[in-house]
Amino acid sequence: MDELTKLIKTEIKKQFRSVRQFSMYIGVPQSTIVTALQKGIGGTSFETIMHICEVLDIKLVSGDNPVFMDGEKRELLERYARLDAEGKKAVRALAAVELLRVTDAEAYAELGKKLDAAQASPITEE
């Protein structure tokens, strides 16, 4: 299942009690929404997808890897924008480590070994 379909499914659960209530609210047949959620939104009309995203307040930030902005991501970006330079540097460093963790387990394990070794080394004052 693609990321946008997952996000739409999650937001419908969060914002509405059921797909039925959501479909009644936006005026799109329930069968259309159910099919889109089961098979992926690829076969759904562009206008319907845009309407669903608009109602759920999902925004597309284009680029090579499109990002679908939901409330959680928007809040994260707003918080990041309020940080000073040191805070932004810390967030970028943590994001780099977490990305390494989910994309390259071997490199992440090596980083963990280096951190363990650094913590085990005594700190000397000169």
PDB file of N, CA and C in Angstrom:
ATOM      1  N   MET A   1       0.852  -1.187   0.000  1.00  0.00           N
ATOM      2  CA  MET A   1       0.000   0.000   0.000  1.00  0.00           C
ATOM      3  C   MET A   1       0.894   1.245   0.000  1.00  0.00           C
ATOM      4  N   ASP A   2       0.584   2.190  -0.867  1.00  0.00           N
ATOM      5  CA  ASP A   2       1.403   3.394  -0.976  1.00  0.00           C
ATOM      6  C   ASP A   2       1.194   4.318   0.232  1.00  0.00           C
ATOM      7  N   GLU A   3       2.124   5.256   0.403  1.00  0.00           N
ATOM      8  CA  GLU A   3       2.117   6.141   1.570  1.00  0.00           C
ATOM      9  C   GLU A   3       0.859   7.015   1.649  1.00  0.00           C
ATOM     10  N   LEU A   4       0.404   7.527   0.507  1.00  0.00           N
ATOM     11  CA  LEU A   4      -0.776   8.389   0.531  1.00  0.00           C
ATOM     12  C   LEU A   4      -2.004   7.596   0.948  1.00  0.00           C
ATOM     13  N   THR A   5      -2.157   6.381   0.456  1.00  0.00           N
ATOM     14  CA  THR A   5      -3.296   5.551   0.845  1.00  0.00           C
ATOM     15  C   THR A   5      -3.262   5.280   2.346  1.00  0.00           C
ATOM     16  N   LYS A   6      -2.079   4.956   2.875  1.00  0.00           N
ATOM     17  CA  LYS A   6      -1.937   4.724   4.323  1.00  0.00           C
ATOM     18  C   LYS A   6      -2.325   5.970   5.109  1.00  0.00           C
ATOM     19  N   LEU A   7      -1.851   7.115   4.644  1.00  0.00           N
ATOM     20  CA  LEU A   7      -2.143   8.371   5.345  1.00  0.00           C
ATOM     21  C   LEU A   7      -3.638   8.680   5.314  1.00  0.00           C
ATOM     22  N   ILE A   8      -4.269   8.494   4.168  1.00  0.00           N
ATOM     23  CA  ILE A   8      -5.709   8.751   4.061  1.00  0.00           C
ATOM     24  C   ILE A   8      -6.465   7.832   5.005  1.00  0.00           C
ATOM     25  N   LYS A   9      -6.099   6.574   5.029  1.00  0.00           N
ATOM     26  CA  LYS A   9      -6.754   5.598   5.907  1.00  0.00           C
ATOM     27  C   LYS A   9      -6.607   6.018   7.377  1.00  0.00           C
ATOM     28  N   THR A  10      -5.410   6.416   7.758  1.00  0.00           N
ATOM     29  CA  THR A  10      -5.140   6.849   9.131  1.00  0.00           C
ATOM     30  C   THR A  10      -5.951   8.092   9.487  1.00  0.00           C
ATOM     31  N   GLU A  11      -5.980   9.063   8.580  1.00  0.00           N
ATOM     32  CA  GLU A  11      -6.700  10.308   8.863  1.00  0.00           C
ATOM     33  C   GLU A  11      -8.213  10.093   8.926  1.00  0.00           C
ATOM     34  N   ILE A  12      -8.746   9.206   8.114  1.00  0.00           N
ATOM     35  CA  ILE A  12     -10.185   8.912   8.192  1.00  0.00           C
ATOM     36  C   ILE A  12     -10.492   8.327   9.563  1.00  0.00           C
ATOM     37  N   LYS A  13      -9.650   7.403  10.037  1.00  0.00           N
ATOM     38  CA  LYS A  13      -9.857   6.804  11.367  1.00  0.00           C
ATOM     39  C   LYS A  13      -9.767   7.858  12.461  1.00  0.00           C
ATOM     40  N   LYS A  14      -8.805   8.786  12.321  1.00  0.00           N
ATOM     41  CA  LYS A  14      -8.616   9.821  13.339  1.00  0.00           C
ATOM     42  C   LYS A  14      -9.753  10.829  13.354  1.00  0.00           C
ATOM     43  N   GLN A  15     -10.163  11.293  12.177  1.00  0.00           N
ATOM     44  CA  GLN A  15     -11.083  12.425  12.093  1.00  0.00           C
ATOM     45  C   GLN A  15     -12.551  12.033  12.007  1.00  0.00           C
ATOM     46  N   PHE A  16     -12.837  10.810  11.593  1.00  0.00           N
ATOM     47  CA  PHE A  16     -14.217  10.359  11.421  1.00  0.00           C
ATOM     48  C   PHE A  16     -14.350   8.997  12.082  1.00  0.00           C
ATOM     49  N   ARG A  17     -15.548   8.651  12.449  1.00  0.00           N
ATOM     50  CA  ARG A  17     -15.748   7.358  13.111  1.00  0.00           C
ATOM     51  C   ARG A  17     -15.659   6.186  12.146  1.00  0.00           C
ATOM     52  N   SER A  18     -15.995   6.418  10.904  1.00  0.00           N
ATOM     53  CA  SER A  18     -16.006   5.315   9.943  1.00  0.00           C
ATOM     54  C   SER A  18     -15.870   5.856   8.524  1.00  0.00           C
ATOM     55  N   VAL A  19     -15.581   4.948   7.608  1.00  0.00           N
ATOM     56  CA  VAL A  19     -15.515   5.303   6.191  1.00  0.00           C
ATOM     57  C   VAL A  19     -16.899   5.753   5.736  1.00  0.00           C
ATOM     58  N   ARG A  20     -17.924   5.123   6.261  1.00  0.00           N
ATOM     59  CA  ARG A  20     -19.297   5.487   5.900  1.00  0.00           C
ATOM     60  C   ARG A  20     -19.587   6.948   6.257  1.00  0.00           C
ATOM     61  N   GLN A  21     -19.251   7.345   7.476  1.00  0.00           N
ATOM     62  CA  GLN A  21     -19.483   8.741   7.878  1.00  0.00           C
ATOM     63  C   GLN A  21     -18.655   9.696   7.020  1.00  0.00           C
ATOM     64  N   PHE A  22     -17.419   9.317   6.751  1.00  0.00           N
ATOM     65  CA  PHE A  22     -16.562  10.155   5.918  1.00  0.00           C
ATOM     66  C   PHE A  22     -17.155  10.308   4.526  1.00  0.00           C
ATOM     67  N   SER A  23     -17.596   9.205   3.940  1.00  0.00           N
ATOM     68  CA  SER A  23     -18.144   9.263   2.585  1.00  0.00           C
ATOM     69  C   SER A  23     -19.406  10.115   2.536  1.00  0.00           C
ATOM     70  N   MET A  24     -20.247  10.024   3.568  1.00  0.00           N
ATOM     71  CA  MET A  24     -21.444  10.869   3.610  1.00  0.00           C
ATOM     72  C   MET A  24     -21.056  12.339   3.744  1.00  0.00           C
ATOM     73  N   TYR A  25     -20.029  12.620   4.541  1.00  0.00           N
ATOM     74  CA  TYR A  25     -19.583  13.984   4.775  1.00  0.00           C
ATOM     75  C   TYR A  25     -19.065  14.641   3.503  1.00  0.00           C
ATOM     76  N   ILE A  26     -18.300  13.885   2.706  1.00  0.00           N
ATOM     77  CA  ILE A  26     -17.695  14.498   1.519  1.00  0.00           C
ATOM     78  C   ILE A  26     -18.504  14.276   0.244  1.00  0.00           C
ATOM     79  N   GLY A  27     -19.531  13.447   0.326  1.00  0.00           N
ATOM     80  CA  GLY A  27     -20.383  13.237  -0.840  1.00  0.00           C
ATOM     81  C   GLY A  27     -19.779  12.343  -1.907  1.00  0.00           C
ATOM     82  N   VAL A  28     -18.916  11.429  -1.491  1.00  0.00           N
ATOM     83  CA  VAL A  28     -18.316  10.459  -2.407  1.00  0.00           C
ATOM     84  C   VAL A  28     -18.851   9.087  -1.999  1.00  0.00           C
ATOM     85  N   PRO A  29     -19.278   8.260  -2.955  1.00  0.00           N
ATOM     86  CA  PRO A  29     -19.815   6.952  -2.597  1.00  0.00           C
ATOM     87  C   PRO A  29     -18.853   6.155  -1.710  1.00  0.00           C
ATOM     88  N   GLN A  30     -19.418   5.498  -0.717  1.00  0.00           N
ATOM     89  CA  GLN A  30     -18.607   4.699   0.197  1.00  0.00           C
ATOM     90  C   GLN A  30     -17.822   3.635  -0.566  1.00  0.00           C
ATOM     91  N   SER A  31     -18.428   3.042  -1.573  1.00  0.00           N
ATOM     92  CA  SER A  31     -17.753   1.993  -2.348  1.00  0.00           C
ATOM     93  C   SER A  31     -16.492   2.534  -3.027  1.00  0.00           C
ATOM     94  N   THR A  32     -16.525   3.773  -3.468  1.00  0.00           N
ATOM     95  CA  THR A  32     -15.354   4.393  -4.106  1.00  0.00           C
ATOM     96  C   THR A  32     -14.212   4.511  -3.106  1.00  0.00           C
ATOM     97  N   ILE A  33     -14.543   4.960  -1.909  1.00  0.00           N
ATOM     98  CA  ILE A  33     -13.514   5.144  -0.887  1.00  0.00           C
ATOM     99  C   ILE A  33     -12.979   3.796  -0.417  1.00  0.00           C
ATOM    100  N   VAL A  34     -13.865   2.843  -0.188  1.00  0.00           N
ATOM    101  CA  VAL A  34     -13.434   1.512   0.254  1.00  0.00           C
ATOM    102  C   VAL A  34     -12.508   0.884  -0.781  1.00  0.00           C
ATOM    103  N   THR A  35     -12.876   0.965  -2.043  1.00  0.00           N
ATOM    104  CA  THR A  35     -12.039   0.412  -3.111  1.00  0.00           C
ATOM    105  C   THR A  35     -10.677   1.099  -3.145  1.00  0.00           C
ATOM    106  N   ALA A  36     -10.675   2.407  -3.018  1.00  0.00           N
ATOM    107  CA  ALA A  36      -9.411   3.158  -3.034  1.00  0.00           C
ATOM    108  C   ALA A  36      -8.523   2.749  -1.866  1.00  0.00           C
ATOM    109  N   LEU A  37      -9.112   2.538  -0.693  1.00  0.00           N
ATOM    110  CA  LEU A  37      -8.325   2.164   0.480  1.00  0.00           C
ATOM    111  C   LEU A  37      -7.826   0.728   0.399  1.00  0.00           C
ATOM    112  N   GLN A  38      -8.578  -0.137  -0.254  1.00  0.00           N
ATOM    113  CA  GLN A  38      -8.171  -1.541  -0.373  1.00  0.00           C
ATOM    114  C   GLN A  38      -7.141  -1.747  -1.479  1.00  0.00           C
ATOM    115  N   LYS A  39      -7.359  -1.101  -2.617  1.00  0.00           N
ATOM    116  CA  LYS A  39      -6.501  -1.330  -3.787  1.00  0.00           C
ATOM    117  C   LYS A  39      -5.450  -0.251  -3.991  1.00  0.00           C
ATOM    118  N   GLY A  40      -5.528   0.813  -3.211  1.00  0.00           N
ATOM    119  CA  GLY A  40      -4.631   1.947  -3.409  1.00  0.00           C
ATOM    120  C   GLY A  40      -5.329   2.999  -4.245  1.00  0.00           C
ATOM    121  N   ILE A  41      -4.937   4.228  -4.065  1.00  0.00           N
ATOM    122  CA  ILE A  41      -5.653   5.333  -4.705  1.00  0.00           C
ATOM    123  C   ILE A  41      -5.318   5.500  -6.173  1.00  0.00           C
ATOM    124  N   GLY A  42      -4.395   4.702  -6.686  1.00  0.00           N
ATOM    125  CA  GLY A  42      -3.963   4.822  -8.074  1.00  0.00           C
ATOM    126  C   GLY A  42      -5.084   4.757  -9.095  1.00  0.00           C
ATOM    127  N   GLY A  43      -6.128   3.995  -8.817  1.00  0.00           N
ATOM    128  CA  GLY A  43      -7.229   3.864  -9.765  1.00  0.00           C
ATOM    129  C   GLY A  43      -8.354   4.846  -9.530  1.00  0.00           C
ATOM    130  N   THR A  44      -8.196   5.719  -8.559  1.00  0.00           N
ATOM    131  CA  THR A  44      -9.222   6.702  -8.217  1.00  0.00           C
ATOM    132  C   THR A  44      -8.983   7.986  -8.997  1.00  0.00           C
ATOM    133  N   SER A  45     -10.053   8.662  -9.365  1.00  0.00           N
ATOM    134  CA  SER A  45      -9.892   9.883 -10.156  1.00  0.00           C
ATOM    135  C   SER A  45      -9.111  10.943  -9.376  1.00  0.00           C
ATOM    136  N   PHE A  46      -8.368  11.732 -10.111  1.00  0.00           N
ATOM    137  CA  PHE A  46      -7.559  12.790  -9.515  1.00  0.00           C
ATOM    138  C   PHE A  46      -8.418  13.750  -8.700  1.00  0.00           C
ATOM    139  N   GLU A  47      -9.579  14.124  -9.246  1.00  0.00           N
ATOM    140  CA  GLU A  47     -10.469  15.060  -8.554  1.00  0.00           C
ATOM    141  C   GLU A  47     -10.935  14.488  -7.221  1.00  0.00           C
ATOM    142  N   THR A  48     -11.258  13.201  -7.203  1.00  0.00           N
ATOM    143  CA  THR A  48     -11.709  12.562  -5.960  1.00  0.00           C
ATOM    144  C   THR A  48     -10.583  12.537  -4.936  1.00  0.00           C
ATOM    145  N   ILE A  49      -9.385  12.194  -5.371  1.00  0.00           N
ATOM    146  CA  ILE A  49      -8.236  12.166  -4.463  1.00  0.00           C
ATOM    147  C   ILE A  49      -7.974  13.552  -3.889  1.00  0.00           C
ATOM    148  N   MET A  50      -8.015  14.563  -4.749  1.00  0.00           N
ATOM    149  CA  MET A  50      -7.771  15.929  -4.280  1.00  0.00           C
ATOM    150  C   MET A  50      -8.846  16.368  -3.292  1.00  0.00           C
ATOM    151  N   HIS A  51     -10.089  16.001  -3.548  1.00  0.00           N
ATOM    152  CA  HIS A  51     -11.190  16.345  -2.639  1.00  0.00           C
ATOM    153  C   HIS A  51     -11.004  15.650  -1.289  1.00  0.00           C
ATOM    154  N   ILE A  52     -10.657  14.369  -1.316  1.00  0.00           N
ATOM    155  CA  ILE A  52     -10.415  13.624  -0.073  1.00  0.00           C
ATOM    156  C   ILE A  52      -9.282  14.279   0.716  1.00  0.00           C
ATOM    157  N   CYS A  53      -8.189  14.590   0.042  1.00  0.00           N
ATOM    158  CA  CYS A  53      -7.039  15.212   0.706  1.00  0.00           C
ATOM    159  C   CYS A  53      -7.397  16.588   1.269  1.00  0.00           C
ATOM    160  N   GLU A  54      -8.178  17.343   0.533  1.00  0.00           N
ATOM    161  CA  GLU A  54      -8.587  18.671   1.005  1.00  0.00           C
ATOM    162  C   GLU A  54      -9.408  18.561   2.284  1.00  0.00           C
ATOM    163  N   VAL A  55     -10.378  17.654   2.301  1.00  0.00           N
ATOM    164  CA  VAL A  55     -11.233  17.481   3.478  1.00  0.00           C
ATOM    165  C   VAL A  55     -10.416  16.999   4.670  1.00  0.00           C
ATOM    166  N   LEU A  56      -9.456  16.112   4.432  1.00  0.00           N
ATOM    167  CA  LEU A  56      -8.636  15.573   5.524  1.00  0.00           C
ATOM    168  C   LEU A  56      -7.461  16.475   5.883  1.00  0.00           C
ATOM    169  N   ASP A  57      -7.320  17.605   5.185  1.00  0.00           N
ATOM    170  CA  ASP A  57      -6.232  18.560   5.400  1.00  0.00           C
ATOM    171  C   ASP A  57      -4.866  17.911   5.177  1.00  0.00           C
ATOM    172  N   ILE A  58      -4.769  17.170   4.083  1.00  0.00           N
ATOM    173  CA  ILE A  58      -3.506  16.558   3.675  1.00  0.00           C
ATOM    174  C   ILE A  58      -2.961  17.375   2.514  1.00  0.00           C
ATOM    175  N   LYS A  59      -1.743  17.854   2.666  1.00  0.00           N
ATOM    176  CA  LYS A  59      -1.120  18.677   1.637  1.00  0.00           C
ATOM    177  C   LYS A  59       0.066  17.924   1.057  1.00  0.00           C
ATOM    178  N   LEU A  60       0.275  18.045  -0.232  1.00  0.00           N
ATOM    179  CA  LEU A  60       1.411  17.428  -0.900  1.00  0.00           C
ATOM    180  C   LEU A  60       2.526  18.457  -1.016  1.00  0.00           C
ATOM    181  N   VAL A  61       3.694  18.080  -0.548  1.00  0.00           N
ATOM    182  CA  VAL A  61       4.882  18.894  -0.734  1.00  0.00           C
ATOM    183  C   VAL A  61       5.684  18.160  -1.791  1.00  0.00           C
ATOM    184  N   SER A  62       5.777  18.753  -2.980  1.00  0.00           N
ATOM    185  CA  SER A  62       6.378  18.035  -4.103  1.00  0.00           C
ATOM    186  C   SER A  62       7.893  18.022  -4.020  1.00  0.00           C
ATOM    187  N   GLY A  63       8.439  17.122  -4.769  1.00  0.00           N
ATOM    188  CA  GLY A  63       9.875  16.943  -4.840  1.00  0.00           C
ATOM    189  C   GLY A  63      10.151  15.559  -5.382  1.00  0.00           C
ATOM    190  N   ASP A  64      11.400  15.137  -5.310  1.00  0.00           N
ATOM    191  CA  ASP A  64      11.732  13.800  -5.782  1.00  0.00           C
ATOM    192  C   ASP A  64      11.014  12.733  -4.964  1.00  0.00           C
ATOM    193  N   ASN A  65      10.933  12.948  -3.672  1.00  0.00           N
ATOM    194  CA  ASN A  65      10.209  12.050  -2.783  1.00  0.00           C
ATOM    195  C   ASN A  65       9.057  12.846  -2.180  1.00  0.00           C
ATOM    196  N   PRO A  66       7.866  12.743  -2.757  1.00  0.00           N
ATOM    197  CA  PRO A  66       6.773  13.567  -2.264  1.00  0.00           C
ATOM    198  C   PRO A  66       6.447  13.283  -0.806  1.00  0.00           C
ATOM    199  N   VAL A  67       6.105  14.326  -0.084  1.00  0.00           N
ATOM    200  CA  VAL A  67       5.736  14.227   1.320  1.00  0.00           C
ATOM    201  C   VAL A  67       4.297  14.695   1.442  1.00  0.00           C
ATOM    202  N   PHE A  68       3.501  13.927   2.135  1.00  0.00           N
ATOM    203  CA  PHE A  68       2.120  14.302   2.352  1.00  0.00           C
ATOM    204  C   PHE A  68       2.012  14.866   3.757  1.00  0.00           C
ATOM    205  N   MET A  69       1.659  16.142   3.831  1.00  0.00           N
ATOM    206  CA  MET A  69       1.640  16.848   5.103  1.00  0.00           C
ATOM    207  C   MET A  69       0.329  16.627   5.825  1.00  0.00           C
ATOM    208  N   ASP A  70       0.410  15.958   6.953  1.00  0.00           N
ATOM    209  CA  ASP A  70      -0.736  15.857   7.824  1.00  0.00           C
ATOM    210  C   ASP A  70      -0.466  16.768   9.023  1.00  0.00           C
ATOM    211  N   GLY A  71      -1.366  16.795   9.964  1.00  0.00           N
ATOM    212  CA  GLY A  71      -1.223  17.690  11.113  1.00  0.00           C
ATOM    213  C   GLY A  71       0.031  17.430  11.920  1.00  0.00           C
ATOM    214  N   GLU A  72       0.407  16.165  12.073  1.00  0.00           N
ATOM    215  CA  GLU A  72       1.580  15.809  12.865  1.00  0.00           C
ATOM    216  C   GLU A  72       2.863  16.341  12.228  1.00  0.00           C
ATOM    217  N   LYS A  73       2.999  16.189  10.924  1.00  0.00           N
ATOM    218  CA  LYS A  73       4.198  16.682  10.234  1.00  0.00           C
ATOM    219  C   LYS A  73       4.240  18.202  10.225  1.00  0.00           C
ATOM    220  N   ARG A  74       3.088  18.822  10.045  1.00  0.00           N
ATOM    221  CA  ARG A  74       3.027  20.277  10.051  1.00  0.00           C
ATOM    222  C   ARG A  74       3.440  20.815  11.427  1.00  0.00           C
ATOM    223  N   GLU A  75       2.977  20.156  12.488  1.00  0.00           N
ATOM    224  CA  GLU A  75       3.341  20.567  13.849  1.00  0.00           C
ATOM    225  C   GLU A  75       4.845  20.417  14.073  1.00  0.00           C
ATOM    226  N   LEU A  76       5.410  19.313  13.583  1.00  0.00           N
ATOM    227  CA  LEU A  76       6.851  19.097  13.714  1.00  0.00           C
ATOM    228  C   LEU A  76       7.636  20.205  13.015  1.00  0.00           C
ATOM    229  N   LEU A  77       7.216  20.570  11.810  1.00  0.00           N
ATOM    230  CA  LEU A  77       7.903  21.638  11.078  1.00  0.00           C
ATOM    231  C   LEU A  77       7.750  22.986  11.771  1.00  0.00           C
ATOM    232  N   GLU A  78       6.579  23.241  12.330  1.00  0.00           N
ATOM    233  CA  GLU A  78       6.381  24.500  13.054  1.00  0.00           C
ATOM    234  C   GLU A  78       7.284  24.571  14.275  1.00  0.00           C
ATOM    235  N   ARG A  79       7.420  23.463  14.992  1.00  0.00           N
ATOM    236  CA  ARG A  79       8.314  23.434  16.154  1.00  0.00           C
ATOM    237  C   ARG A  79       9.770  23.616  15.731  1.00  0.00           C
ATOM    238  N   TYR A  80      10.156  22.933  14.651  1.00  0.00           N
ATOM    239  CA  TYR A  80      11.511  23.051  14.146  1.00  0.00           C
ATOM    240  C   TYR A  80      11.821  24.502  13.780  1.00  0.00           C
ATOM    241  N   ALA A  81      10.878  25.174  13.161  1.00  0.00           N
ATOM    242  CA  ALA A  81      11.084  26.567  12.745  1.00  0.00           C
ATOM    243  C   ALA A  81      11.329  27.494  13.934  1.00  0.00           C
ATOM    244  N   ARG A  82      10.824  27.141  15.101  1.00  0.00           N
ATOM    245  CA  ARG A  82      10.996  27.983  16.294  1.00  0.00           C
ATOM    246  C   ARG A  82      12.315  27.736  17.022  1.00  0.00           C
ATOM    247  N   LEU A  83      13.044  26.706  16.626  1.00  0.00           N
ATOM    248  CA  LEU A  83      14.312  26.395  17.288  1.00  0.00           C
ATOM    249  C   LEU A  83      15.407  27.369  16.877  1.00  0.00           C
ATOM    250  N   ASP A  84      16.414  27.504  17.759  1.00  0.00           N
ATOM    251  CA  ASP A  84      17.587  28.279  17.385  1.00  0.00           C
ATOM    252  C   ASP A  84      18.530  27.380  16.593  1.00  0.00           C
ATOM    253  N   ALA A  85      19.675  27.901  16.199  1.00  0.00           N
ATOM    254  CA  ALA A  85      20.615  27.161  15.352  1.00  0.00           C
ATOM    255  C   ALA A  85      21.080  25.868  16.017  1.00  0.00           C
ATOM    256  N   GLU A  86      21.366  25.911  17.316  1.00  0.00           N
ATOM    257  CA  GLU A  86      21.812  24.704  18.034  1.00  0.00           C
ATOM    258  C   GLU A  86      20.717  23.645  18.060  1.00  0.00           C
ATOM    259  N   GLY A  87      19.493  24.056  18.302  1.00  0.00           N
ATOM    260  CA  GLY A  87      18.372  23.121  18.327  1.00  0.00           C
ATOM    261  C   GLY A  87      18.160  22.468  16.968  1.00  0.00           C
ATOM    262  N   LYS A  88      18.233  23.275  15.903  1.00  0.00           N
ATOM    263  CA  LYS A  88      18.078  22.739  14.550  1.00  0.00           C
ATOM    264  C   LYS A  88      19.192  21.755  14.220  1.00  0.00           C
ATOM    265  N   LYS A  89      20.426  22.068  14.665  1.00  0.00           N
ATOM    266  CA  LYS A  89      21.557  21.170  14.433  1.00  0.00           C
ATOM    267  C   LYS A  89      21.322  19.838  15.144  1.00  0.00           C
ATOM    268  N   ALA A  90      20.810  19.877  16.372  1.00  0.00           N
ATOM    269  CA  ALA A  90      20.537  18.658  17.139  1.00  0.00           C
ATOM    270  C   ALA A  90      19.442  17.815  16.473  1.00  0.00           C
ATOM    271  N   VAL A  91      18.402  18.462  15.989  1.00  0.00           N
ATOM    272  CA  VAL A  91      17.314  17.745  15.318  1.00  0.00           C
ATOM    273  C   VAL A  91      17.820  17.093  14.034  1.00  0.00           C
ATOM    274  N   ARG A  92      18.637  17.808  13.261  1.00  0.00           N
ATOM    275  CA  ARG A  92      19.178  17.234  12.028  1.00  0.00           C
ATOM    276  C   ARG A  92      20.079  16.038  12.331  1.00  0.00           C
ATOM    277  N   ALA A  93      20.880  16.129  13.400  1.00  0.00           N
ATOM    278  CA  ALA A  93      21.763  15.021  13.776  1.00  0.00           C
ATOM    279  C   ALA A  93      20.936  13.800  14.193  1.00  0.00           C
ATOM    280  N   LEU A  94      19.921  14.021  14.992  1.00  0.00           N
ATOM    281  CA  LEU A  94      19.058  12.914  15.415  1.00  0.00           C
ATOM    282  C   LEU A  94      18.331  12.304  14.220  1.00  0.00           C
ATOM    283  N   ALA A  95      17.860  13.131  13.315  1.00  0.00           N
ATOM    284  CA  ALA A  95      17.176  12.627  12.122  1.00  0.00           C
ATOM    285  C   ALA A  95      18.127  11.790  11.269  1.00  0.00           C
ATOM    286  N   ALA A  96      19.380  12.209  11.170  1.00  0.00           N
ATOM    287  CA  ALA A  96      20.366  11.451  10.391  1.00  0.00           C
ATOM    288  C   ALA A  96      20.612  10.083  11.021  1.00  0.00           C
ATOM    289  N   VAL A  97      20.716  10.044  12.337  1.00  0.00           N
ATOM    290  CA  VAL A  97      20.926   8.767  13.030  1.00  0.00           C
ATOM    291  C   VAL A  97      19.707   7.863  12.859  1.00  0.00           C
ATOM    292  N   GLU A  98      18.513   8.406  13.004  1.00  0.00           N
ATOM    293  CA  GLU A  98      17.296   7.608  12.868  1.00  0.00           C
ATOM    294  C   GLU A  98      17.110   7.112  11.441  1.00  0.00           C
ATOM    295  N   LEU A  99      17.455   7.921  10.462  1.00  0.00           N
ATOM    296  CA  LEU A  99      17.375   7.481   9.075  1.00  0.00           C
ATOM    297  C   LEU A  99      18.361   6.348   8.827  1.00  0.00           C
ATOM    298  N   LEU A 100      19.539   6.451   9.391  1.00  0.00           N
ATOM    299  CA  LEU A 100      20.526   5.380   9.290  1.00  0.00           C
ATOM    300  C   LEU A 100      19.983   4.103   9.933  1.00  0.00           C
ATOM    301  N   ARG A 101      19.321   4.235  11.061  1.00  0.00           N
ATOM    302  CA  ARG A 101      18.762   3.080  11.767  1.00  0.00           C
ATOM    303  C   ARG A 101      17.757   2.325  10.899  1.00  0.00           C
ATOM    304  N   VAL A 102      16.901   3.055  10.186  1.00  0.00           N
ATOM    305  CA  VAL A 102      15.856   2.391   9.405  1.00  0.00           C
ATOM    306  C   VAL A 102      16.301   2.004   8.000  1.00  0.00           C
ATOM    307  N   THR A 103      17.432   2.532   7.527  1.00  0.00           N
ATOM    308  CA  THR A 103      17.844   2.234   6.156  1.00  0.00           C
ATOM    309  C   THR A 103      19.092   1.367   6.056  1.00  0.00           C
ATOM    310  N   ASP A 104      19.938   1.375   7.078  1.00  0.00           N
ATOM    311  CA  ASP A 104      21.201   0.640   6.992  1.00  0.00           C
ATOM    312  C   ASP A 104      21.561   0.086   8.371  1.00  0.00           C
ATOM    313  N   ALA A 105      21.038  -1.090   8.673  1.00  0.00           N
ATOM    314  CA  ALA A 105      21.220  -1.688   9.997  1.00  0.00           C
ATOM    315  C   ALA A 105      22.696  -1.920  10.320  1.00  0.00           C
ATOM    316  N   GLU A 106      23.478  -2.302   9.311  1.00  0.00           N
ATOM    317  CA  GLU A 106      24.902  -2.573   9.541  1.00  0.00           C
ATOM    318  C   GLU A 106      25.649  -1.293   9.937  1.00  0.00           C
ATOM    319  N   ALA A 107      25.421  -0.217   9.214  1.00  0.00           N
ATOM    320  CA  ALA A 107      26.083   1.057   9.535  1.00  0.00           C
ATOM    321  C   ALA A 107      25.613   1.584  10.890  1.00  0.00           C
ATOM    322  N   TYR A 108      24.334   1.369  11.191  1.00  0.00           N
ATOM    323  CA  TYR A 108      23.796   1.813  12.476  1.00  0.00           C
ATOM    324  C   TYR A 108      24.455   1.044  13.626  1.00  0.00           C
ATOM    325  N   ALA A 109      24.633  -0.272  13.445  1.00  0.00           N
ATOM    326  CA  ALA A 109      25.285  -1.083  14.471  1.00  0.00           C
ATOM    327  C   ALA A 109      26.725  -0.628  14.679  1.00  0.00           C
ATOM    328  N   GLU A 110      27.418  -0.297  13.578  1.00  0.00           N
ATOM    329  CA  GLU A 110      28.797   0.195  13.669  1.00  0.00           C
ATOM    330  C   GLU A 110      28.853   1.519  14.429  1.00  0.00           C
ATOM    331  N   LEU A 111      27.888   2.388  14.159  1.00  0.00           N
ATOM    332  CA  LEU A 111      27.818   3.659  14.887  1.00  0.00           C
ATOM    333  C   LEU A 111      27.608   3.408  16.382  1.00  0.00           C
ATOM    334  N   GLY A 112      26.739   2.456  16.708  1.00  0.00           N
ATOM    335  CA  GLY A 112      26.498   2.107  18.110  1.00  0.00           C
ATOM    336  C   GLY A 112      27.763   1.628  18.802  1.00  0.00           C
ATOM    337  N   LYS A 113      28.578   0.819  18.101  1.00  0.00           N
ATOM    338  CA  LYS A 113      29.840   0.329  18.667  1.00  0.00           C
ATOM    339  C   LYS A 113      30.787   1.493  18.936  1.00  0.00           C
ATOM    340  N   LYS A 114      30.843   2.439  17.997  1.00  0.00           N
ATOM    341  CA  LYS A 114      31.727   3.604  18.173  1.00  0.00           C
ATOM    342  C   LYS A 114      31.276   4.450  19.356  1.00  0.00           C
ATOM    343  N   LEU A 115      29.967   4.613  19.511  1.00  0.00           N
ATOM    344  CA  LEU A 115      29.454   5.393  20.644  1.00  0.00           C
ATOM    345  C   LEU A 115      29.750   4.688  21.965  1.00  0.00           C
ATOM    346  N   ASP A 116      29.575   3.364  21.981  1.00  0.00           N
ATOM    347  CA  ASP A 116      29.881   2.599  23.194  1.00  0.00           C
ATOM    348  C   ASP A 116      31.348   2.733  23.556  1.00  0.00           C
ATOM    349  N   ALA A 117      32.226   2.663  22.556  1.00  0.00           N
ATOM    350  CA  ALA A 117      33.657   2.784  22.800  1.00  0.00           C
ATOM    351  C   ALA A 117      34.002   4.179  23.324  1.00  0.00           C
ATOM    352  N   ALA A 118      33.358   5.178  22.771  1.00  0.00           N
ATOM    353  CA  ALA A 118      33.616   6.552  23.214  1.00  0.00           C
ATOM    354  C   ALA A 118      33.164   6.748  24.658  1.00  0.00           C
ATOM    355  N   GLN A 119      32.053   6.136  25.036  1.00  0.00           N
ATOM    356  CA  GLN A 119      31.559   6.262  26.410  1.00  0.00           C
ATOM    357  C   GLN A 119      32.443   5.504  27.389  1.00  0.00           C
ATOM    358  N   ALA A 120      33.062   4.408  26.940  1.00  0.00           N
ATOM    359  CA  ALA A 120      33.926   3.601  27.805  1.00  0.00           C
ATOM    360  C   ALA A 120      35.286   4.249  28.017  1.00  0.00           C
ATOM    361  N   SER A 121      35.698   5.122  27.108  1.00  0.00           N
ATOM    362  CA  SER A 121      37.018   5.758  27.225  1.00  0.00           C
ATOM    363  C   SER A 121      36.963   6.815  28.326  1.00  0.00           C
ATOM    364  N   PRO A 122      37.978   6.823  29.158  1.00  0.00           N
ATOM    365  CA  PRO A 122      38.006   7.850  30.216  1.00  0.00           C
ATOM    366  C   PRO A 122      38.245   9.237  29.614  1.00  0.00           C
ATOM    367  N   ILE A 123      37.654  10.210  30.224  1.00  0.00           N
ATOM    368  CA  ILE A 123      37.836  11.593  29.793  1.00  0.00           C
ATOM    369  C   ILE A 123      39.049  12.133  30.546  1.00  0.00           C
ATOM    370  N   THR A 124      39.997  12.626  29.791  1.00  0.00           N
ATOM    371  CA  THR A 124      41.200  13.172  30.421  1.00  0.00           C
ATOM    372  C   THR A 124      41.247  14.658  30.240  1.00  0.00           C
ATOM    373  N   GLU A 125      41.703  15.328  31.292  1.00  0.00           N
ATOM    374  CA  GLU A 125      41.858  16.780  31.208  1.00  0.00           C
ATOM    375  C   GLU A 125      43.315  17.075  30.904  1.00  0.00           C
ATOM    376  N   GLU A 126      43.517  18.033  30.075  1.00  0.00           N
ATOM    377  CA  GLU A 126      44.901  18.393  29.720  1.00  0.00           C
ATOM    378  C   GLU A 126      45.336  19.581  30.475  1.00  0.00           C
TER     379      GLU A 126
END
